[in-house]
Every structure is written in structure tokens, then in C-alpha cells.
Protein backbone atom coordinates (compact mmCIF):
# COMPACT_ATOMS: atom_id res chain seq x y z
CA MET A 1 0.00 0.00 0.00
CA ALA A 2 1.36 3.41 -0.96
CA HIS A 3 1.66 6.25 1.50
CA ILE A 4 0.17 9.31 -0.20
CA VAL A 5 1.45 12.59 1.19
CA LYS A 6 -0.91 15.56 1.26
CA GLY A 7 -0.81 19.15 2.38
CA THR A 8 0.90 22.44 1.81
CA ALA A 9 4.69 22.53 1.76
CA PHE A 10 6.64 25.55 2.92
CA CYS A 11 10.27 26.66 2.87
CA GLN A 12 11.96 26.39 6.25
CA LYS A 13 14.69 28.95 5.56
CA PRO A 14 14.41 31.96 7.91
CA GLY A 15 12.79 34.91 6.17
CA CYS A 16 11.50 33.01 3.13
CA GLY A 17 7.84 32.08 3.54
CA LYS A 18 7.48 30.52 0.06
CA THR A 19 4.77 27.84 -0.09
CA TRP A 20 3.63 25.21 -2.58
CA PRO A 21 0.17 23.57 -2.65
CA VAL A 22 1.95 20.19 -2.98
CA ASP A 23 5.55 19.44 -2.04
CA PRO A 24 7.53 19.72 -5.31
CA VAL A 25 9.42 16.52 -4.43
CA LEU A 26 6.11 14.70 -4.92
CA THR A 27 5.73 15.88 -8.51
CA VAL A 28 8.45 13.53 -9.80
CA GLN A 29 9.04 9.78 -9.65
CA CYS A 30 11.78 8.76 -7.21
CA PRO A 31 14.90 7.63 -9.09
CA ASP A 32 15.95 5.44 -6.14
CA CYS A 33 12.86 3.50 -5.04
CA LYS A 34 10.72 4.22 -8.15
CA ALA A 35 7.83 5.56 -6.05
CA PRO A 36 5.48 7.31 -8.49
CA ALA A 37 4.68 11.01 -8.39
CA GLY A 38 2.28 11.85 -5.56
CA VAL A 39 3.42 8.92 -3.41
CA GLY A 40 5.98 8.88 -0.62
CA CYS A 41 9.28 7.02 -0.92
CA ARG A 42 9.81 3.42 0.17
CA ARG A 43 12.51 1.81 2.25
CA PRO A 44 14.65 -0.93 0.67
CA SER A 45 12.35 -3.42 2.41
CA GLY A 46 9.44 -2.02 0.38
CA TRP A 47 7.66 -0.41 3.33
CA SER A 48 6.46 3.19 3.17
CA GLY A 49 4.71 5.44 5.61
CA PRO A 50 4.65 8.82 7.31
CA PHE A 51 8.07 8.28 8.93
CA VAL A 52 9.94 7.37 5.73
CA ASP A 53 11.94 10.33 4.41
CA PHE A 54 12.09 11.29 0.75
CA HIS A 55 15.28 10.25 -1.03
CA ALA A 56 17.71 13.13 -1.62
CA SER A 57 17.99 12.18 -5.29
CA ARG A 58 14.25 12.78 -5.69
CA ASP A 59 14.56 16.24 -4.18
CA LEU A 60 17.48 17.05 -6.49
CA LEU A 61 15.54 15.80 -9.52
CA ALA A 62 12.57 18.02 -8.66
CA ASP A 63 14.93 20.98 -8.35
CA ARG A 64 16.68 20.22 -11.67
CA GLU A 65 13.28 20.06 -13.38
CA GLY A 66 12.38 23.49 -11.95
CA ARG A 67 9.52 22.21 -9.76
CA TYR A 68 10.49 24.48 -6.85
CA GLY A 69 10.62 27.64 -8.95
CA ALA A 70 12.94 30.53 -8.23
CA CYS A 71 14.14 31.10 -4.68
CA PRO A 72 12.95 34.54 -3.49
CA LEU A 73 16.09 34.86 -1.34
CA LYS A 74 18.37 33.48 -4.09
CA ILE A 75 20.06 31.09 -1.66
CA CYS A 76 18.52 27.73 -2.63
CA GLY A 77 18.33 25.33 -5.54
CA LEU A 78 19.01 26.33 -9.11
CA ASP A 79 19.55 29.98 -8.16
CA ARG A 80 22.44 28.99 -5.93
CA ALA A 81 23.87 26.34 -8.27
CA SER A 82 24.42 28.81 -11.09
CA ALA A 83 26.47 31.06 -8.79
CA GLN A 84 28.90 28.26 -7.88
CA GLY A 85 30.41 27.98 -11.34
CA THR A 86 33.96 26.69 -11.18
CA LEU A 87 36.27 25.98 -8.29
CA PRO A 88 38.87 28.76 -7.97
CA LEU A 89 41.48 26.18 -6.95
CA PHE A 90 41.55 24.76 -10.46
CA GLU A 91 41.06 27.91 -12.57
CA LYS A 92 44.77 28.26 -13.44
CA CYS A 93 45.44 24.59 -14.28
């Protein structure tokens, strides 16, 4: 039986306040456990439930696909990734 997660999601960064009607991580299929969109992740044993965390790879996939949208503080997700660019340690190699 699948654990379907419902409810509003909100950013927990201080000063943000951005919300989503559905957690963006739930809008993509999990690349690790193959849980479909709208359903929580499963443990390797196959069990799912309210105490099973989402896989980090699923969160990253949702971000790469733009499901979170732009960060109003420009400190999270794709907004932050574009600012990282290259590592200064290797620029002169």
C-alpha cells in the first residue's frame, strides 16, 4: 500500500515564507525506489509510511526540473547552483 502525502509545503529557511500547494518533491518519480509522483518514498524493504523520508535524489531531480521555482532569497536550488560555477582552486590549471 502506498503512503500518499498531502498538504501544503513551505520553505523552512528563515525569512523566506514561500509555499507550494503540494511538495515539489512529490511531482516527480523517485529515481531510487521508483515511487510514483504523488506517493511517498519506500525503504529498501518495500515499506512506506509517514516516517519514511524522501530520497535526496528525488529532491534534487525536482529541483533540476524546476519544480520548486525561483528562490525569493536566491540562496537555494538552481539559483544557488548557477552562482557556484567553477572551483577557484583549479582555474589556473
